[in-house]
Protein backbone atom coordinates (compact mmCIF):
# COMPACT_ATOMS: atom_id res chain seq x y z
CA MET A 1 0.00 0.00 0.00
CA ARG A 2 2.78 2.41 0.89
CA GLN A 3 4.64 1.69 -2.35
CA ILE A 4 1.47 2.16 -4.43
CA LYS A 5 0.74 5.46 -2.67
CA LYS A 6 4.33 6.60 -3.18
CA ASP A 7 4.18 5.78 -6.89
CA GLY A 8 0.96 7.78 -7.19
CA ARG A 9 -0.49 5.42 -9.79
CA LEU A 10 -3.97 5.18 -8.25
CA PRO A 11 -6.45 7.99 -7.48
CA GLN A 12 -7.26 8.57 -3.81
CA ASP A 13 -10.78 7.11 -4.03
CA LYS A 14 -9.43 3.86 -5.50
CA MET A 15 -6.70 3.75 -2.85
CA THR A 16 -9.39 3.84 -0.19
CA THR A 17 -11.31 0.99 -1.87
CA LEU A 18 -8.15 -1.10 -2.20
CA ALA A 19 -7.31 -0.53 1.45
CA ALA A 20 -10.76 -1.76 2.45
CA VAL A 21 -10.49 -4.83 0.23
CA LEU A 22 -7.10 -5.75 1.68
CA PHE A 23 -8.23 -5.02 5.24
CA LEU A 24 -11.16 -7.48 5.22
CA PRO A 25 -9.07 -10.69 4.63
CA ALA A 26 -6.60 -9.52 7.28
CA LEU A 27 -9.48 -8.99 9.72
CA LEU A 28 -10.92 -12.42 8.91
CA ILE A 29 -7.55 -14.14 9.42
CA PHE A 30 -7.14 -12.33 12.74
CA ALA A 31 -10.64 -13.37 13.86
CA LEU A 32 -10.09 -17.02 12.95
CA THR A 33 -6.70 -17.07 14.65
CA PHE A 34 -8.13 -15.47 17.77
CA LYS A 35 -11.00 -17.99 17.81
CA ALA A 36 -8.58 -20.92 17.43
CA ILE A 37 -6.46 -19.64 20.30
CA SER A 38 -9.56 -19.09 22.44
CA ASN A 39 -10.83 -22.62 21.69
CA TRP A 40 -7.40 -24.06 22.49
CA ARG A 41 -7.28 -22.25 25.80
CA SER A 42 -10.86 -23.29 26.52
CA ASP A 43 -10.03 -26.96 25.80
CA ILE A 44 -7.01 -26.79 28.10
CA GLN A 45 -9.15 -25.28 30.86
CA LEU A 46 -11.84 -27.93 30.39
CA GLN A 47 -9.25 -30.70 30.60
CA LYS A 48 -7.78 -29.12 33.72
CA ASN A 49 -11.24 -28.82 35.30
CA HIS A 50 -12.00 -32.44 34.42
CA VAL A 51 -8.81 -33.66 36.08
CA GLU A 52 -9.52 -31.59 39.20
CA LEU A 53 -13.12 -32.73 39.33
CA GLU A 54 -12.15 -36.40 38.99
CA SER A 55 -9.53 -35.97 41.72
CA PHE A 56 -12.18 -34.41 43.95
CA VAL A 57 -14.60 -37.33 43.41
CA ASN A 58 -11.82 -39.85 44.09
CA SER A 59 -11.00 -38.11 47.36
CA ALA A 60 -14.66 -38.19 48.39
CA TYR A 61 -15.66 -41.71 47.27
CA LYS A 62 -13.46 -43.47 44.69
CA PRO A 63 -16.04 -46.06 43.48
CA LEU A 64 -18.27 -43.24 42.21
CA SER A 65 -15.63 -42.07 39.74
CA LYS A 66 -15.34 -45.55 38.18
CA THR A 67 -19.10 -46.06 38.15
CA GLN A 68 -19.61 -42.70 36.45
CA GLN A 69 -17.06 -43.56 33.75
CA ARG A 70 -18.63 -46.95 33.06
CA LEU A 71 -22.06 -45.32 32.85
CA LYS A 72 -20.75 -42.82 30.31
CA ILE A 73 -19.34 -45.64 28.15
CA THR A 74 -22.65 -47.53 28.37
CA LEU A 75 -24.55 -44.46 27.20
CA GLN A 76 -22.17 -43.96 24.28
CA ASP A 77 -22.58 -47.61 23.26
CA MET A 78 -26.37 -47.31 23.48
CA GLN A 79 -26.37 -44.24 21.27
CA VAL A 80 -24.54 -46.25 18.61
CA LEU A 81 -27.04 -49.12 18.96
CA LEU A 82 -30.03 -46.77 18.72
CA ARG A 83 -28.58 -45.20 15.59
CA ASP A 84 -27.99 -48.63 14.02
CA ILE A 85 -31.45 -49.93 14.89
CA GLU A 86 -33.07 -47.10 12.93
CA GLN A 87 -31.52 -48.49 9.74
CA LEU A 88 -32.49 -52.08 10.60
CA GLU A 89 -36.12 -51.02 10.97
CA THR A 90 -36.02 -49.59 7.43
CA ASP A 91 -34.10 -52.45 5.81
CA PHE A 92 -35.99 -55.41 7.31
CA PRO A 93 -39.77 -54.80 7.29
CA SER A 94 -40.49 -58.50 7.96
CA HIS A 95 -39.12 -58.00 11.47
CA ALA A 96 -40.27 -54.40 11.96
CA ASN A 97 -42.49 -55.17 14.97
CA LEU A 98 -39.68 -56.94 16.81
CA ILE A 99 -37.19 -54.18 16.00
CA GLN A 100 -39.63 -51.47 17.11
CA SER A 101 -40.24 -53.30 20.40
CA ILE A 102 -36.51 -53.60 21.14
CA LYS A 103 -35.98 -50.00 20.07
CA LYS A 104 -38.57 -48.86 22.63
CA GLN A 105 -36.95 -50.94 25.38
CA TRP A 106 -33.53 -49.51 24.59
CA THR A 107 -34.82 -45.95 24.32
CA ASP A 108 -36.57 -46.21 27.70
CA SER A 109 -33.42 -47.69 29.24
CA HIS A 110 -31.23 -45.00 27.68
CA ASN A 111 -33.51 -42.27 29.04
CA ILE A 112 -33.38 -43.73 32.56
CA LEU A 113 -29.59 -44.03 32.50
CA PHE A 114 -29.13 -40.59 30.98
CA LYS A 115 -31.32 -39.02 33.66
CA VAL A 116 -29.21 -40.65 36.38
CA TYR A 117 -26.03 -39.56 34.56
CA GLU A 118 -27.22 -35.95 34.31
CA ASN A 119 -28.28 -35.83 37.95
CA THR A 120 -24.97 -37.32 39.13
CA ASP A 121 -22.93 -34.98 36.95
CA ARG A 122 -24.85 -31.95 38.20
CA GLU A 123 -24.43 -32.91 41.87
CA VAL A 124 -20.73 -33.65 41.38
CA ARG A 125 -20.08 -30.29 39.70
CA HIS A 126 -22.04 -28.47 42.39
CA ALA A 127 -20.02 -30.13 45.14
CA TRP A 128 -16.72 -29.49 43.32
CA ILE A 129 -17.43 -25.79 42.81
CA SER A 130 -18.53 -25.49 46.43
CA HIS A 131 -15.35 -27.27 47.50
CA LYS A 132 -13.29 -24.66 45.60
CA THR A 133 -15.26 -21.65 46.86
CA MET A 134 -16.53 -22.58 50.33
CA ASP A 135 -15.34 -24.49 53.41
CA SER A 136 -13.57 -27.34 51.60
CA ARG A 137 -13.49 -29.72 54.59
CA ASP A 138 -17.18 -29.29 55.30
CA VAL A 139 -18.12 -29.79 51.64
CA LEU A 140 -15.92 -32.88 51.32
CA ALA A 141 -17.39 -34.45 54.46
CA LYS A 142 -20.96 -33.86 53.28
CA PHE A 143 -20.33 -34.93 49.70
CA SER A 144 -18.59 -38.14 50.79
CA LYS A 145 -21.94 -39.30 52.18
CA GLN A 146 -23.88 -38.04 49.17
CA ALA A 147 -21.46 -39.78 46.79
CA VAL A 148 -22.38 -43.19 48.23
CA THR A 149 -26.03 -42.52 47.42
CA LEU A 150 -25.20 -41.29 43.92
CA ASN A 151 -23.15 -44.43 43.29
CA SER A 152 -26.03 -46.63 44.51
CA ASN A 153 -28.46 -44.84 42.20
CA ILE A 154 -26.26 -45.56 39.18
CA ILE A 155 -25.91 -49.24 40.13
CA LYS A 156 -29.68 -49.54 40.56
CA ALA A 157 -30.33 -47.92 37.17
CA LYS A 158 -27.83 -50.23 35.46
CA LYS A 159 -29.56 -53.27 36.98
CA GLU A 160 -32.81 -52.10 35.40
CA TYR A 161 -30.95 -51.58 32.14
CA ARG A 162 -29.54 -55.13 32.23
CA ALA A 163 -33.03 -56.49 32.88
CA GLN A 164 -34.24 -54.69 29.75
CA LEU A 165 -31.31 -56.14 27.77
CA ILE A 166 -32.20 -59.65 28.90
CA SER A 167 -35.84 -59.05 27.95
CA ALA A 168 -34.77 -57.83 24.50
CA GLN A 169 -32.53 -60.88 24.02
CA ASP A 170 -35.42 -63.15 25.00
CA GLY A 171 -37.45 -61.54 22.23
CA LEU A 172 -34.66 -62.17 19.73
CA VAL A 173 -34.41 -65.83 20.79
CA LYS A 174 -38.18 -66.35 20.46
CA ASN A 175 -38.09 -64.79 17.01
CA LEU A 176 -35.19 -67.04 16.00
CA ASP A 177 -37.01 -70.11 17.25
CA ALA A 178 -40.15 -69.19 15.30
CA ALA A 179 -38.12 -68.68 12.09
CA ARG A 180 -36.26 -71.96 12.64
CA GLN A 181 -39.47 -73.93 13.22
CA LEU A 182 -40.91 -72.49 10.00
CA LEU A 183 -37.74 -73.47 8.14
CA ASN A 184 -37.92 -76.99 9.58
CA SER A 185 -41.55 -77.30 8.47
CA ILE A 186 -40.60 -76.94 4.77
CA ARG A 187 -38.73 -80.23 4.96
CA LYS A 188 -40.85 -81.90 7.60
CA PRO A 189 -44.38 -80.48 8.13
CA PRO A 190 -45.40 -80.45 11.81
CA LYS A 191 -48.11 -82.79 13.08
CA SER A 192 -49.18 -80.48 15.90
CA LYS A 193 -52.11 -78.20 15.04
CA LYS A 194 -50.71 -75.60 17.44
CA GLN A 195 -47.37 -75.52 15.61
CA LYS A 196 -49.12 -75.30 12.24
CA LEU A 197 -50.99 -72.21 13.47
CA LYS A 198 -47.75 -70.68 14.78
CA ASN A 199 -46.06 -71.27 11.43
CA ALA A 200 -49.01 -69.70 9.60
CA GLU A 201 -48.70 -66.59 11.80
CA THR A 202 -44.97 -66.41 11.08
CA VAL A 203 -45.58 -66.66 7.32
CA LYS A 204 -47.92 -63.64 7.53
CA ARG A 205 -44.99 -61.54 8.76
CA ILE A 206 -42.84 -62.17 5.70
CA ARG A 207 -42.57 -59.14 3.41
CA HIS A 208 -41.01 -58.69 -0.01
CA PHE A 209 -37.20 -58.94 -0.11
CA ASP A 210 -35.67 -56.39 -2.45
CA ASP A 211 -32.51 -57.26 -4.40
CA ARG A 212 -30.18 -55.42 -2.01
CA THR A 213 -31.54 -57.16 1.08
CA LYS A 214 -31.56 -60.55 -0.65
CA SER A 215 -27.92 -60.08 -1.71
CA LEU A 216 -26.95 -59.12 1.84
CA LEU A 217 -28.65 -62.20 3.32
CA VAL A 218 -27.19 -64.57 0.72
CA ASP A 219 -23.71 -63.22 1.53
CA PHE A 220 -24.50 -63.70 5.22
CA LEU A 221 -25.45 -67.34 4.65
CA GLY A 222 -22.28 -67.78 2.61
CA ARG A 223 -20.22 -66.62 5.58
CA ILE A 224 -21.88 -69.27 7.75
CA ASP A 225 -21.07 -71.94 5.16
CA GLU A 226 -20.33 -71.54 1.45
CA ARG A 227 -22.56 -74.54 0.71
CA LEU A 228 -25.57 -72.52 1.87
CA ARG A 229 -24.84 -69.83 -0.71
CA ASN A 230 -24.65 -72.51 -3.41
CA GLU A 231 -28.03 -73.95 -2.38
CA ILE A 232 -29.64 -70.49 -2.52
CA GLU A 233 -28.18 -69.86 -5.97
CA THR A 234 -29.50 -73.22 -7.18
CA LEU A 235 -32.98 -72.41 -5.88
CA SER A 236 -32.86 -68.95 -7.49
CA GLU A 237 -31.96 -70.50 -10.83
CA LEU A 238 -34.84 -72.97 -10.46
CA ILE A 239 -37.29 -70.10 -9.90
CA ARG A 240 -35.97 -68.35 -13.01
CA LEU A 241 -36.13 -71.54 -15.09
CA SER A 242 -39.71 -72.31 -13.98
CA GLY A 243 -40.92 -68.91 -15.14
CA GLN A 244 -39.02 -69.24 -18.40
CA GLN A 245 -40.37 -72.70 -19.18
CA ARG A 246 -43.92 -71.66 -18.36
CA ALA A 247 -43.63 -68.76 -20.81
CA ARG A 248 -42.19 -71.02 -23.55
CA VAL A 249 -44.97 -73.57 -23.26
CA ARG A 250 -47.59 -70.80 -23.31
CA THR A 251 -46.07 -69.51 -26.55
CA PHE A 252 -46.37 -72.97 -28.14
CA LEU A 253 -49.95 -73.20 -26.94
CA LEU A 254 -50.91 -70.14 -28.98
CA ASP A 255 -50.20 -72.05 -32.22
CA ASN A 256 -51.32 -75.46 -30.95
CA GLN A 257 -54.79 -74.97 -29.51
CA ASP A 258 -55.64 -78.63 -30.09
CA LEU A 259 -53.02 -79.48 -27.41
CA GLU A 260 -54.61 -77.19 -24.84
CA LYS A 261 -55.27 -79.87 -22.27
CA PRO A 262 -51.75 -81.40 -21.91
CA LEU A 263 -49.93 -78.08 -22.42
CA THR A 264 -52.12 -76.26 -19.88
CA LYS A 265 -51.26 -79.00 -17.38
CA VAL A 266 -47.53 -78.45 -17.99
CA ILE A 267 -47.95 -74.67 -17.64
CA SER A 268 -49.77 -75.21 -14.34
CA ASP A 269 -47.04 -77.56 -13.07
CA TRP A 270 -44.30 -75.04 -13.85
CA LYS A 271 -46.31 -72.28 -12.17
CA ILE A 272 -46.79 -74.38 -9.01
CA LEU A 273 -43.07 -75.17 -8.91
CA GLU A 274 -42.20 -71.49 -9.35
CA GLN A 275 -44.59 -70.39 -6.61
CA ASN A 276 -43.51 -73.11 -4.19
CA SER A 277 -39.84 -72.41 -4.79
CA PHE A 278 -40.41 -68.66 -4.34
CA SER A 279 -42.24 -69.31 -1.06
CA ARG A 280 -39.43 -71.57 0.15
CA MET A 281 -36.87 -68.93 -0.78
CA ASN A 282 -38.72 -66.29 1.21
CA GLN A 283 -38.89 -68.53 4.27
CA ILE A 284 -35.16 -69.26 4.04
CA LEU A 285 -34.37 -65.55 3.71
CA PHE A 286 -36.70 -64.79 6.63
CA ALA A 287 -34.75 -67.23 8.80
CA ALA A 288 -31.43 -65.73 7.67
CA GLU A 289 -32.79 -62.26 8.41
CA ALA A 290 -33.85 -63.35 11.92
CA GLU A 291 -30.30 -64.47 12.70
CA TYR A 292 -28.69 -61.44 11.05
CA ILE A 293 -30.82 -59.06 13.13
CA ALA A 294 -30.24 -61.03 16.33
CA LEU A 295 -26.47 -60.77 15.91
CA LYS A 296 -26.70 -57.08 15.03
CA LEU A 297 -28.73 -56.44 18.18
CA GLY A 298 -26.25 -58.09 20.50
CA LEU A 299 -27.11 -61.80 20.68
CA SER A 300 -23.92 -63.84 21.03
CA GLU A 301 -22.77 -66.18 18.26
CA LYS A 302 -22.41 -68.76 21.03
CA SER A 303 -26.12 -68.53 21.88
CA PRO A 304 -27.89 -71.94 21.68
CA ALA A 305 -30.54 -70.28 19.46
CA ILE A 306 -27.88 -69.20 16.95
CA LYS A 307 -26.25 -72.63 16.95
CA ALA A 308 -29.64 -74.30 16.47
CA MET A 309 -30.36 -72.03 13.51
CA HIS A 310 -27.02 -72.90 11.89
CA LYS A 311 -27.83 -76.59 12.23
CA SER A 312 -31.26 -76.00 10.72
CA PHE A 313 -29.75 -74.22 7.71
CA LEU A 314 -27.23 -77.00 7.08
CA VAL A 315 -29.82 -79.77 7.38
CA ASN A 316 -32.80 -78.14 5.68
CA LEU A 317 -31.44 -76.15 2.74
CA PRO A 318 -30.00 -79.16 0.84
CA ALA A 319 -33.23 -81.09 1.51
CA ILE A 320 -35.45 -78.17 0.41
CA VAL A 321 -33.49 -77.58 -2.80
CA GLY A 322 -33.27 -81.32 -3.47
CA LYS A 323 -37.04 -81.62 -3.17
CA ALA A 324 -37.55 -78.73 -5.62
CA GLN A 325 -35.14 -80.32 -8.09
CA LYS A 326 -37.09 -83.60 -7.91
CA GLU A 327 -40.29 -81.67 -8.65
CA ARG A 328 -38.62 -80.11 -11.67
CA LYS A 329 -37.45 -83.52 -12.89
CA SER A 330 -40.96 -84.83 -12.46
CA ILE A 331 -42.31 -82.07 -14.74
CA ASP A 332 -39.51 -82.61 -17.28
CA GLN A 333 -40.40 -86.33 -17.44
CA SER A 334 -44.18 -85.93 -17.30
CA TYR A 335 -44.71 -86.40 -21.06
CA SER A 336 -47.02 -89.28 -21.92
CA PHE A 337 -48.73 -90.58 -25.07
CA SER A 338 -52.06 -88.95 -25.88
CA GLN A 339 -54.98 -91.31 -25.33
């Protein structure tokens, strides 16, 4: 600016404009730098306060400090779970009711724990500030008694939380068992009328599987055992072939009306095979979805319900696909001489 003014190349009014234009970026840089320094100092002060506050709690009643920290971690974990469950509810409509029920249990538990956390944090900060600004010995003596109560309140809330977790896991196990019994019934229909009714209710819950969800579940089955993926692919191909063959025979029927009776029977057989295979596929995917959701929502891979489902997959899928292939062979070899 000084050099430009000395050279006298710009009129005074343009010099003023240029000065303003150059001043604004400098002001912005100064503001950002000042804000960064202020935030840095604020972070340092917060860290210092946190260390002092934790030291104060330890001096009053050490177990409270550990219990508070564990509660904070639990709340953070629950926030992740609640965020994940939102997506599960969207992706898996066949299990929407179960997911919504667990979501409500977790939300209620989170709210209870968070309320206890907030109350504890508020009381701790109040005592700490009082300790720094009032009679420190008197405050410490009083808070030492209060800290025991605060610690007990957290422990009580976490017991309620664990009870809700167990309840949620029970729901996941029941859902797995229902899906497994339905899967078993494809190979071996139940004799009990009660079980037949249960299976019928489970079938009503099955919704359409879009391509993305189907691909995810097939990959999931493949991770359990690659043979399961192969069985699913075989069944998918059979569904495609059934539809294709039905369409081909219908095309021939258009030009061969005198063969309506035998060709209509073949068309009907292919349609039945396609529908049955599609229904079996949906029930297999429903069972895979039940396990996938259970694992996502915290059920252990070592759970007896998970192990029983794995066994059901390995026993039933080859039998289900084998039965469908026999039905296809029966249609392929159903030609007979006209009478």
